[in-house]
PDB file of N, CA and C in Angstrom:
ATOM      1  N   UNK A   1    -160.037  -9.571 188.067  1.00  0.00           N
ATOM      2  CA  UNK A   1    -160.315 -10.988 188.171  1.00  0.00           C
ATOM      3  C   UNK A   1    -161.814 -11.162 187.984  1.00  0.00           C
ATOM      4  N   UNK A   2    -162.214 -11.845 186.927  1.00  0.00           N
ATOM      5  CA  UNK A   2    -163.626 -11.920 186.589  1.00  0.00           C
ATOM      6  C   UNK A   2    -164.342 -13.120 187.184  1.00  0.00           C
ATOM      7  N   UNK A   3    -163.682 -14.242 187.337  1.00  0.00           N
ATOM      8  CA  UNK A   3    -164.360 -15.421 187.876  1.00  0.00           C
ATOM      9  C   UNK A   3    -163.606 -15.921 189.108  1.00  0.00           C
ATOM     10  N   UNK A   4    -164.308 -16.660 189.966  1.00  0.00           N
ATOM     11  CA  UNK A   4    -163.645 -17.176 191.170  1.00  0.00           C
ATOM     12  C   UNK A   4    -162.493 -18.114 190.817  1.00  0.00           C
ATOM     13  N   UNK A   5    -161.502 -18.124 191.661  1.00  0.00           N
ATOM     14  CA  UNK A   5    -160.368 -19.026 191.473  1.00  0.00           C
ATOM     15  C   UNK A   5    -160.783 -20.451 191.803  1.00  0.00           C
ATOM     16  N   UNK A   6    -160.188 -21.416 191.104  1.00  0.00           N
ATOM     17  CA  UNK A   6    -160.432 -22.822 191.409  1.00  0.00           C
ATOM     18  C   UNK A   6    -159.591 -23.220 192.625  1.00  0.00           C
ATOM     19  N   UNK A   7    -159.914 -24.355 193.200  1.00  0.00           N
ATOM     20  CA  UNK A   7    -159.164 -24.855 194.352  1.00  0.00           C
ATOM     21  C   UNK A   7    -157.674 -24.945 194.038  1.00  0.00           C
ATOM     22  N   UNK A   8    -157.325 -25.492 192.874  1.00  0.00           N
ATOM     23  CA  UNK A   8    -155.910 -25.682 192.534  1.00  0.00           C
ATOM     24  C   UNK A   8    -155.229 -24.363 192.221  1.00  0.00           C
ATOM     25  N   UNK A   9    -155.936 -23.410 191.614  1.00  0.00           N
ATOM     26  CA  UNK A   9    -155.364 -22.085 191.397  1.00  0.00           C
ATOM     27  C   UNK A   9    -155.045 -21.432 192.742  1.00  0.00           C
ATOM     28  N   UNK A  10    -155.953 -21.590 193.690  1.00  0.00           N
ATOM     29  CA  UNK A  10    -155.753 -21.048 195.036  1.00  0.00           C
ATOM     30  C   UNK A  10    -154.503 -21.639 195.672  1.00  0.00           C
ATOM     31  N   UNK A  11    -154.350 -22.942 195.606  1.00  0.00           N
ATOM     32  CA  UNK A  11    -153.187 -23.599 196.214  1.00  0.00           C
ATOM     33  C   UNK A  11    -151.888 -23.075 195.608  1.00  0.00           C
ATOM     34  N   UNK A  12    -151.857 -22.949 194.289  1.00  0.00           N
ATOM     35  CA  UNK A  12    -150.645 -22.465 193.624  1.00  0.00           C
ATOM     36  C   UNK A  12    -150.383 -21.008 193.976  1.00  0.00           C
ATOM     37  N   UNK A  13    -151.428 -20.198 193.981  1.00  0.00           N
ATOM     38  CA  UNK A  13    -151.270 -18.793 194.332  1.00  0.00           C
ATOM     39  C   UNK A  13    -150.665 -18.655 195.729  1.00  0.00           C
ATOM     40  N   UNK A  14    -151.163 -19.437 196.667  1.00  0.00           N
ATOM     41  CA  UNK A  14    -150.636 -19.368 198.031  1.00  0.00           C
ATOM     42  C   UNK A  14    -149.203 -19.894 198.122  1.00  0.00           C
ATOM     43  N   UNK A  15    -148.862 -20.912 197.346  1.00  0.00           N
ATOM     44  CA  UNK A  15    -147.470 -21.390 197.332  1.00  0.00           C
ATOM     45  C   UNK A  15    -146.524 -20.300 196.837  1.00  0.00           C
ATOM     46  N   UNK A  16    -146.997 -19.498 195.903  1.00  0.00           N
ATOM     47  CA  UNK A  16    -146.136 -18.463 195.338  1.00  0.00           C
ATOM     48  C   UNK A  16    -145.977 -17.262 196.266  1.00  0.00           C
ATOM     49  N   UNK A  17    -146.687 -17.258 197.397  1.00  0.00           N
ATOM     50  CA  UNK A  17    -146.432 -16.200 198.375  1.00  0.00           C
ATOM     51  C   UNK A  17    -145.089 -16.421 199.061  1.00  0.00           C
ATOM     52  N   UNK A  18    -144.557 -17.637 198.979  1.00  0.00           N
ATOM     53  CA  UNK A  18    -143.276 -17.958 199.610  1.00  0.00           C
ATOM     54  C   UNK A  18    -142.112 -17.294 198.895  1.00  0.00           C
ATOM     55  N   UNK A  19    -142.056 -17.468 197.562  1.00  0.00           N
ATOM     56  CA  UNK A  19    -140.964 -16.948 196.745  1.00  0.00           C
ATOM     57  C   UNK A  19    -141.268 -17.282 195.290  1.00  0.00           C
ATOM     58  N   UNK A  20    -140.606 -16.609 194.335  1.00  0.00           N
ATOM     59  CA  UNK A  20    -140.777 -17.006 192.926  1.00  0.00           C
ATOM     60  C   UNK A  20    -140.328 -18.453 192.745  1.00  0.00           C
ATOM     61  N   UNK A  21    -141.060 -19.194 191.907  1.00  0.00           N
ATOM     62  CA  UNK A  21    -140.777 -20.613 191.727  1.00  0.00           C
ATOM     63  C   UNK A  21    -140.982 -21.035 190.278  1.00  0.00           C
ATOM     64  N   UNK A  22    -140.281 -22.094 189.891  1.00  0.00           N
ATOM     65  CA  UNK A  22    -140.456 -22.695 188.568  1.00  0.00           C
ATOM     66  C   UNK A  22    -141.630 -23.669 188.608  1.00  0.00           C
ATOM     67  N   UNK A  23    -142.022 -24.157 187.445  1.00  0.00           N
ATOM     68  CA  UNK A  23    -143.086 -25.160 187.366  1.00  0.00           C
ATOM     69  C   UNK A  23    -142.719 -26.374 188.214  1.00  0.00           C
ATOM     70  N   UNK A  24    -141.480 -26.817 188.096  1.00  0.00           N
ATOM     71  CA  UNK A  24    -141.029 -27.998 188.830  1.00  0.00           C
ATOM     72  C   UNK A  24    -141.060 -27.768 190.338  1.00  0.00           C
ATOM     73  N   UNK A  25    -140.651 -26.582 190.765  1.00  0.00           N
ATOM     74  CA  UNK A  25    -140.671 -26.277 192.197  1.00  0.00           C
ATOM     75  C   UNK A  25    -142.100 -26.263 192.740  1.00  0.00           C
ATOM     76  N   UNK A  26    -143.022 -25.694 191.976  1.00  0.00           N
ATOM     77  CA  UNK A  26    -144.427 -25.694 192.392  1.00  0.00           C
ATOM     78  C   UNK A  26    -144.938 -27.129 192.464  1.00  0.00           C
ATOM     79  N   UNK A  27    -144.635 -27.936 191.441  1.00  0.00           N
ATOM     80  CA  UNK A  27    -145.062 -29.346 191.435  1.00  0.00           C
ATOM     81  C   UNK A  27    -144.530 -30.084 192.655  1.00  0.00           C
ATOM     82  N   UNK A  28    -143.253 -29.873 192.965  1.00  0.00           N
ATOM     83  CA  UNK A  28    -142.632 -30.545 194.113  1.00  0.00           C
ATOM     84  C   UNK A  28    -143.262 -30.110 195.434  1.00  0.00           C
ATOM     85  N   UNK A  29    -143.516 -28.820 195.577  1.00  0.00           N
ATOM     86  CA  UNK A  29    -144.131 -28.337 196.825  1.00  0.00           C
ATOM     87  C   UNK A  29    -145.555 -28.853 196.971  1.00  0.00           C
ATOM     88  N   UNK A  30    -146.279 -28.957 195.858  1.00  0.00           N
ATOM     89  CA  UNK A  30    -147.634 -29.522 195.907  1.00  0.00           C
ATOM     90  C   UNK A  30    -147.549 -30.986 196.347  1.00  0.00           C
ATOM     91  N   UNK A  31    -146.596 -31.728 195.777  1.00  0.00           N
ATOM     92  CA  UNK A  31    -146.442 -33.149 196.119  1.00  0.00           C
ATOM     93  C   UNK A  31    -146.087 -33.326 197.594  1.00  0.00           C
ATOM     94  N   UNK A  32    -145.236 -32.442 198.128  1.00  0.00           N
ATOM     95  CA  UNK A  32    -144.880 -32.499 199.548  1.00  0.00           C
ATOM     96  C   UNK A  32    -146.102 -32.344 200.440  1.00  0.00           C
ATOM     97  N   UNK A  33    -147.128 -31.682 199.898  1.00  0.00           N
ATOM     98  CA  UNK A  33    -148.359 -31.452 200.657  1.00  0.00           C
ATOM     99  C   UNK A  33    -149.443 -32.466 200.294  1.00  0.00           C
ATOM    100  N   UNK A  34    -149.040 -33.522 199.566  1.00  0.00           N
ATOM    101  CA  UNK A  34    -149.966 -34.610 199.268  1.00  0.00           C
ATOM    102  C   UNK A  34    -150.789 -34.467 198.010  1.00  0.00           C
ATOM    103  N   UNK A  35    -150.513 -33.465 197.192  1.00  0.00           N
ATOM    104  CA  UNK A  35    -151.274 -33.259 195.958  1.00  0.00           C
ATOM    105  C   UNK A  35    -150.344 -33.446 194.767  1.00  0.00           C
ATOM    106  N   UNK A  36    -150.395 -34.598 194.158  1.00  0.00           N
ATOM    107  CA  UNK A  36    -149.521 -34.881 193.025  1.00  0.00           C
ATOM    108  C   UNK A  36    -150.251 -34.486 191.747  1.00  0.00           C
ATOM    109  N   UNK A  37    -149.759 -33.412 191.122  1.00  0.00           N
ATOM    110  CA  UNK A  37    -150.309 -32.939 189.857  1.00  0.00           C
ATOM    111  C   UNK A  37    -149.252 -33.096 188.779  1.00  0.00           C
ATOM    112  N   UNK A  38    -149.668 -33.496 187.610  1.00  0.00           N
ATOM    113  CA  UNK A  38    -148.786 -33.586 186.455  1.00  0.00           C
ATOM    114  C   UNK A  38    -148.198 -32.200 186.185  1.00  0.00           C
ATOM    115  N   UNK A  39    -146.930 -32.136 185.781  1.00  0.00           N
ATOM    116  CA  UNK A  39    -146.316 -30.826 185.527  1.00  0.00           C
ATOM    117  C   UNK A  39    -147.033 -30.058 184.430  1.00  0.00           C
ATOM    118  N   UNK A  40    -147.626 -30.756 183.472  1.00  0.00           N
ATOM    119  CA  UNK A  40    -148.375 -30.042 182.430  1.00  0.00           C
ATOM    120  C   UNK A  40    -149.612 -29.370 183.026  1.00  0.00           C
ATOM    121  N   UNK A  41    -150.225 -29.992 184.031  1.00  0.00           N
ATOM    122  CA  UNK A  41    -151.386 -29.390 184.708  1.00  0.00           C
ATOM    123  C   UNK A  41    -150.940 -28.195 185.541  1.00  0.00           C
ATOM    124  N   UNK A  42    -149.816 -28.304 186.217  1.00  0.00           N
ATOM    125  CA  UNK A  42    -149.287 -27.175 186.989  1.00  0.00           C
ATOM    126  C   UNK A  42    -148.975 -26.018 186.048  1.00  0.00           C
ATOM    127  N   UNK A  43    -148.351 -26.315 184.908  1.00  0.00           N
ATOM    128  CA  UNK A  43    -148.037 -25.275 183.923  1.00  0.00           C
ATOM    129  C   UNK A  43    -149.325 -24.600 183.436  1.00  0.00           C
ATOM    130  N   UNK A  44    -150.363 -25.391 183.186  1.00  0.00           N
ATOM    131  CA  UNK A  44    -151.649 -24.846 182.743  1.00  0.00           C
ATOM    132  C   UNK A  44    -152.229 -23.902 183.807  1.00  0.00           C
ATOM    133  N   UNK A  45    -152.194 -24.318 185.056  1.00  0.00           N
ATOM    134  CA  UNK A  45    -152.705 -23.481 186.141  1.00  0.00           C
ATOM    135  C   UNK A  45    -151.898 -22.190 186.275  1.00  0.00           C
ATOM    136  N   UNK A  46    -150.577 -22.290 186.164  1.00  0.00           N
ATOM    137  CA  UNK A  46    -149.732 -21.094 186.207  1.00  0.00           C
ATOM    138  C   UNK A  46    -150.055 -20.163 185.048  1.00  0.00           C
ATOM    139  N   UNK A  47    -150.252 -20.724 183.856  1.00  0.00           N
ATOM    140  CA  UNK A  47    -150.602 -19.911 182.688  1.00  0.00           C
ATOM    141  C   UNK A  47    -151.945 -19.216 182.873  1.00  0.00           C
ATOM    142  N   UNK A  48    -152.911 -19.915 183.492  1.00  0.00           N
ATOM    143  CA  UNK A  48    -154.219 -19.305 183.764  1.00  0.00           C
ATOM    144  C   UNK A  48    -154.076 -18.122 184.725  1.00  0.00           C
ATOM    145  N   UNK A  49    -153.281 -18.296 185.772  1.00  0.00           N
ATOM    146  CA  UNK A  49    -153.062 -17.219 186.735  1.00  0.00           C
ATOM    147  C   UNK A  49    -152.276 -16.069 186.106  1.00  0.00           C
ATOM    148  N   UNK A  50    -151.347 -16.391 185.226  1.00  0.00           N
ATOM    149  CA  UNK A  50    -150.586 -15.379 184.495  1.00  0.00           C
ATOM    150  C   UNK A  50    -151.514 -14.577 183.589  1.00  0.00           C
ATOM    151  N   UNK A  51    -152.389 -15.276 182.857  1.00  0.00           N
ATOM    152  CA  UNK A  51    -153.339 -14.611 181.955  1.00  0.00           C
ATOM    153  C   UNK A  51    -154.318 -13.725 182.726  1.00  0.00           C
ATOM    154  N   UNK A  52    -154.625 -14.099 183.959  1.00  0.00           N
ATOM    155  CA  UNK A  52    -155.534 -13.309 184.793  1.00  0.00           C
ATOM    156  C   UNK A  52    -154.830 -12.091 185.407  1.00  0.00           C
ATOM    157  N   UNK A  53    -153.522 -11.967 185.153  1.00  0.00           N
ATOM    158  CA  UNK A  53    -152.771 -10.834 185.675  1.00  0.00           C
ATOM    159  C   UNK A  53    -152.374 -10.969 187.135  1.00  0.00           C
ATOM    160  N   UNK A  54    -152.422 -12.195 187.657  1.00  0.00           N
ATOM    161  CA  UNK A  54    -152.105 -12.411 189.069  1.00  0.00           C
ATOM    162  C   UNK A  54    -150.653 -12.803 189.298  1.00  0.00           C
ATOM    163  N   UNK A  55    -149.967 -13.218 188.239  1.00  0.00           N
ATOM    164  CA  UNK A  55    -148.570 -13.633 188.339  1.00  0.00           C
ATOM    165  C   UNK A  55    -147.718 -12.871 187.343  1.00  0.00           C
ATOM    166  N   UNK A  56    -146.422 -12.853 187.620  1.00  0.00           N
ATOM    167  CA  UNK A  56    -145.436 -12.390 186.649  1.00  0.00           C
ATOM    168  C   UNK A  56    -144.551 -13.583 186.309  1.00  0.00           C
ATOM    169  N   UNK A  57    -143.895 -13.501 185.165  1.00  0.00           N
ATOM    170  CA  UNK A  57    -143.050 -14.596 184.697  1.00  0.00           C
ATOM    171  C   UNK A  57    -141.695 -14.023 184.314  1.00  0.00           C
ATOM    172  N   UNK A  58    -140.626 -14.639 184.828  1.00  0.00           N
ATOM    173  CA  UNK A  58    -139.269 -14.201 184.531  1.00  0.00           C
ATOM    174  C   UNK A  58    -138.482 -15.385 183.996  1.00  0.00           C
ATOM    175  N   UNK A  59    -137.867 -15.240 182.809  1.00  0.00           N
ATOM    176  CA  UNK A  59    -137.040 -16.342 182.291  1.00  0.00           C
ATOM    177  C   UNK A  59    -135.906 -16.661 183.265  1.00  0.00           C
ATOM    178  N   UNK A  60    -135.588 -17.931 183.377  1.00  0.00           N
ATOM    179  CA  UNK A  60    -134.487 -18.368 184.246  1.00  0.00           C
ATOM    180  C   UNK A  60    -133.182 -18.234 183.481  1.00  0.00           C
ATOM    181  N   UNK A  61    -132.215 -17.562 184.049  1.00  0.00           N
ATOM    182  CA  UNK A  61    -130.917 -17.370 183.402  1.00  0.00           C
ATOM    183  C   UNK A  61    -130.175 -18.693 183.314  1.00  0.00           C
ATOM    184  N   UNK A  62    -129.761 -19.061 182.112  1.00  0.00           N
ATOM    185  CA  UNK A  62    -128.985 -20.272 181.918  1.00  0.00           C
ATOM    186  C   UNK A  62    -129.774 -21.558 182.030  1.00  0.00           C
ATOM    187  N   UNK A  63    -131.079 -21.473 182.195  1.00  0.00           N
ATOM    188  CA  UNK A  63    -131.919 -22.663 182.343  1.00  0.00           C
ATOM    189  C   UNK A  63    -133.132 -22.538 181.428  1.00  0.00           C
ATOM    190  N   UNK A  64    -133.689 -23.663 181.088  1.00  0.00           N
ATOM    191  CA  UNK A  64    -134.949 -23.647 180.351  1.00  0.00           C
ATOM    192  C   UNK A  64    -136.066 -23.283 181.319  1.00  0.00           C
ATOM    193  N   UNK A  65    -137.131 -22.727 180.797  1.00  0.00           N
ATOM    194  CA  UNK A  65    -138.292 -22.424 181.626  1.00  0.00           C
ATOM    195  C   UNK A  65    -138.234 -21.046 182.240  1.00  0.00           C
ATOM    196  N   UNK A  66    -139.121 -20.824 183.187  1.00  0.00           N
ATOM    197  CA  UNK A  66    -139.251 -19.511 183.811  1.00  0.00           C
ATOM    198  C   UNK A  66    -139.592 -19.682 185.282  1.00  0.00           C
ATOM    199  N   UNK A  67    -139.500 -18.568 185.998  1.00  0.00           N
ATOM    200  CA  UNK A  67    -139.934 -18.532 187.394  1.00  0.00           C
ATOM    201  C   UNK A  67    -141.181 -17.661 187.449  1.00  0.00           C
ATOM    202  N   UNK A  68    -142.109 -18.072 188.277  1.00  0.00           N
ATOM    203  CA  UNK A  68    -143.369 -17.355 188.436  1.00  0.00           C
ATOM    204  C   UNK A  68    -143.397 -16.715 189.813  1.00  0.00           C
ATOM    205  N   UNK A  69    -143.949 -15.503 189.876  1.00  0.00           N
ATOM    206  CA  UNK A  69    -144.062 -14.782 191.142  1.00  0.00           C
ATOM    207  C   UNK A  69    -145.416 -14.086 191.186  1.00  0.00           C
ATOM    208  N   UNK A  70    -145.836 -13.722 192.389  1.00  0.00           N
ATOM    209  CA  UNK A  70    -147.079 -12.979 192.533  1.00  0.00           C
ATOM    210  C   UNK A  70    -146.951 -11.621 191.877  1.00  0.00           C
ATOM    211  N   UNK A  71    -148.038 -11.173 191.289  1.00  0.00           N
ATOM    212  CA  UNK A  71    -148.101  -9.822 190.765  1.00  0.00           C
ATOM    213  C   UNK A  71    -148.313  -8.856 191.925  1.00  0.00           C
ATOM    214  N   UNK A  72    -148.685  -7.626 191.601  1.00  0.00           N
ATOM    215  CA  UNK A  72    -148.937  -6.625 192.632  1.00  0.00           C
ATOM    216  C   UNK A  72    -150.183  -5.839 192.263  1.00  0.00           C
ATOM    217  N   UNK A  73    -150.812  -5.265 193.263  1.00  0.00           N
ATOM    218  CA  UNK A  73    -151.959  -4.414 193.023  1.00  0.00           C
ATOM    219  C   UNK A  73    -153.240  -4.953 193.628  1.00  0.00           C
ATOM    220  N   UNK A  74    -154.329  -4.220 193.410  1.00  0.00           N
ATOM    221  CA  UNK A  74    -155.615  -4.582 194.015  1.00  0.00           C
ATOM    222  C   UNK A  74    -156.124  -5.957 193.585  1.00  0.00           C
ATOM    223  N   UNK A  75    -155.870  -6.352 192.342  1.00  0.00           N
ATOM    224  CA  UNK A  75    -156.365  -7.654 191.866  1.00  0.00           C
ATOM    225  C   UNK A  75    -155.707  -8.796 192.633  1.00  0.00           C
ATOM    226  N   UNK A  76    -154.417  -8.695 192.882  1.00  0.00           N
ATOM    227  CA  UNK A  76    -153.739  -9.764 193.618  1.00  0.00           C
ATOM    228  C   UNK A  76    -154.175  -9.758 195.077  1.00  0.00           C
ATOM    229  N   UNK A  77    -154.400  -8.581 195.649  1.00  0.00           N
ATOM    230  CA  UNK A  77    -154.898  -8.519 197.028  1.00  0.00           C
ATOM    231  C   UNK A  77    -156.256  -9.207 197.142  1.00  0.00           C
ATOM    232  N   UNK A  78    -157.146  -8.937 196.195  1.00  0.00           N
ATOM    233  CA  UNK A  78    -158.473  -9.565 196.197  1.00  0.00           C
ATOM    234  C   UNK A  78    -158.358 -11.074 195.989  1.00  0.00           C
ATOM    235  N   UNK A  79    -157.458 -11.491 195.088  1.00  0.00           N
ATOM    236  CA  UNK A  79    -157.276 -12.925 194.825  1.00  0.00           C
ATOM    237  C   UNK A  79    -156.732 -13.646 196.056  1.00  0.00           C
ATOM    238  N   UNK A  80    -155.800 -13.024 196.757  1.00  0.00           N
ATOM    239  CA  UNK A  80    -155.260 -13.642 197.976  1.00  0.00           C
ATOM    240  C   UNK A  80    -156.321 -13.721 199.071  1.00  0.00           C
ATOM    241  N   UNK A  81    -157.142 -12.679 199.193  1.00  0.00           N
ATOM    242  CA  UNK A  81    -158.248 -12.730 200.158  1.00  0.00           C
ATOM    243  C   UNK A  81    -159.168 -13.900 199.834  1.00  0.00           C
ATOM    244  N   UNK A  82    -159.489 -14.051 198.542  1.00  0.00           N
ATOM    245  CA  UNK A  82    -160.338 -15.163 198.106  1.00  0.00           C
ATOM    246  C   UNK A  82    -159.649 -16.498 198.394  1.00  0.00           C
ATOM    247  N   UNK A  83    -158.360 -16.577 198.118  1.00  0.00           N
ATOM    248  CA  UNK A  83    -157.611 -17.818 198.336  1.00  0.00           C
ATOM    249  C   UNK A  83    -157.639 -18.225 199.807  1.00  0.00           C
ATOM    250  N   UNK A  84    -157.428 -17.262 200.696  1.00  0.00           N
ATOM    251  CA  UNK A  84    -157.455 -17.577 202.126  1.00  0.00           C
ATOM    252  C   UNK A  84    -158.836 -18.065 202.554  1.00  0.00           C
ATOM    253  N   UNK A  85    -159.893 -17.480 201.995  1.00  0.00           N
ATOM    254  CA  UNK A  85    -161.255 -17.922 202.321  1.00  0.00           C
ATOM    255  C   UNK A  85    -161.507 -19.343 201.827  1.00  0.00           C
ATOM    256  N   UNK A  86    -161.045 -19.654 200.617  1.00  0.00           N
ATOM    257  CA  UNK A  86    -161.226 -20.999 200.067  1.00  0.00           C
ATOM    258  C   UNK A  86    -160.509 -22.019 200.942  1.00  0.00           C
ATOM    259  N   UNK A  87    -159.275 -21.728 201.307  1.00  0.00           N
ATOM    260  CA  UNK A  87    -158.483 -22.666 202.098  1.00  0.00           C
ATOM    261  C   UNK A  87    -159.084 -22.842 203.494  1.00  0.00           C
ATOM    262  N   UNK A  88    -159.596 -21.781 204.083  1.00  0.00           N
ATOM    263  CA  UNK A  88    -160.224 -21.892 205.405  1.00  0.00           C
ATOM    264  C   UNK A  88    -161.411 -22.849 205.378  1.00  0.00           C
ATOM    265  N   UNK A  89    -162.106 -22.924 204.251  1.00  0.00           N
ATOM    266  CA  UNK A  89    -163.290 -23.766 204.148  1.00  0.00           C
ATOM    267  C   UNK A  89    -163.027 -25.186 203.703  1.00  0.00           C
ATOM    268  N   UNK A  90    -161.767 -25.559 203.465  1.00  0.00           N
ATOM    269  CA  UNK A  90    -161.419 -26.889 202.963  1.00  0.00           C
ATOM    270  C   UNK A  90    -160.717 -27.705 204.034  1.00  0.00           C
ATOM    271  N   UNK A  91    -160.922 -29.026 204.012  1.00  0.00           N
ATOM    272  CA  UNK A  91    -160.106 -29.872 204.886  1.00  0.00           C
ATOM    273  C   UNK A  91    -158.642 -29.787 204.450  1.00  0.00           C
ATOM    274  N   UNK A  92    -157.728 -30.072 205.346  1.00  0.00           N
ATOM    275  CA  UNK A  92    -156.294 -29.943 205.054  1.00  0.00           C
ATOM    276  C   UNK A  92    -155.867 -30.734 203.832  1.00  0.00           C
ATOM    277  N   UNK A  93    -156.501 -31.859 203.572  1.00  0.00           N
ATOM    278  CA  UNK A  93    -156.105 -32.689 202.435  1.00  0.00           C
ATOM    279  C   UNK A  93    -156.665 -32.180 201.115  1.00  0.00           C
ATOM    280  N   UNK A  94    -157.699 -31.348 201.147  1.00  0.00           N
ATOM    281  CA  UNK A  94    -158.286 -30.817 199.916  1.00  0.00           C
ATOM    282  C   UNK A  94    -159.077 -31.865 199.172  1.00  0.00           C
ATOM    283  N   UNK A  95    -159.497 -31.540 197.965  1.00  0.00           N
ATOM    284  CA  UNK A  95    -160.265 -32.505 197.179  1.00  0.00           C
ATOM    285  C   UNK A  95    -159.413 -33.706 196.798  1.00  0.00           C
ATOM    286  N   UNK A  96    -160.048 -34.800 196.530  1.00  0.00           N
ATOM    287  CA  UNK A  96    -159.332 -36.037 196.228  1.00  0.00           C
ATOM    288  C   UNK A  96    -158.758 -36.077 194.818  1.00  0.00           C
ATOM    289  N   UNK A  97    -159.415 -35.460 193.839  1.00  0.00           N
ATOM    290  CA  UNK A  97    -158.954 -35.568 192.454  1.00  0.00           C
ATOM    291  C   UNK A  97    -158.467 -34.222 191.945  1.00  0.00           C
ATOM    292  N   UNK A  98    -157.235 -34.153 191.388  1.00  0.00           N
ATOM    293  CA  UNK A  98    -156.753 -32.906 190.793  1.00  0.00           C
ATOM    294  C   UNK A  98    -157.438 -32.709 189.490  1.00  0.00           C
TER     295      UNK A  98
END
């Protein structure tokens, strides 16, 4: 991981600690927490995390799209440590603009 994670990358990374999820599931969970992001923005953030080697992607059987899950190894451990630090320093509502 070469550059620090953004606030929204951190939020998505932490949501994916729950279970593998689709773009729509991530969008819905973000909305439940008060952060409404366009699905195209969520997809972009997932793609960025995938390109950084922090996520894996599995096609959904019988459905369009894919499910995203946390990767494994030292890079993901470091990213999660960073994510927890970012979240500790933010108010519960986070930044106002996605």
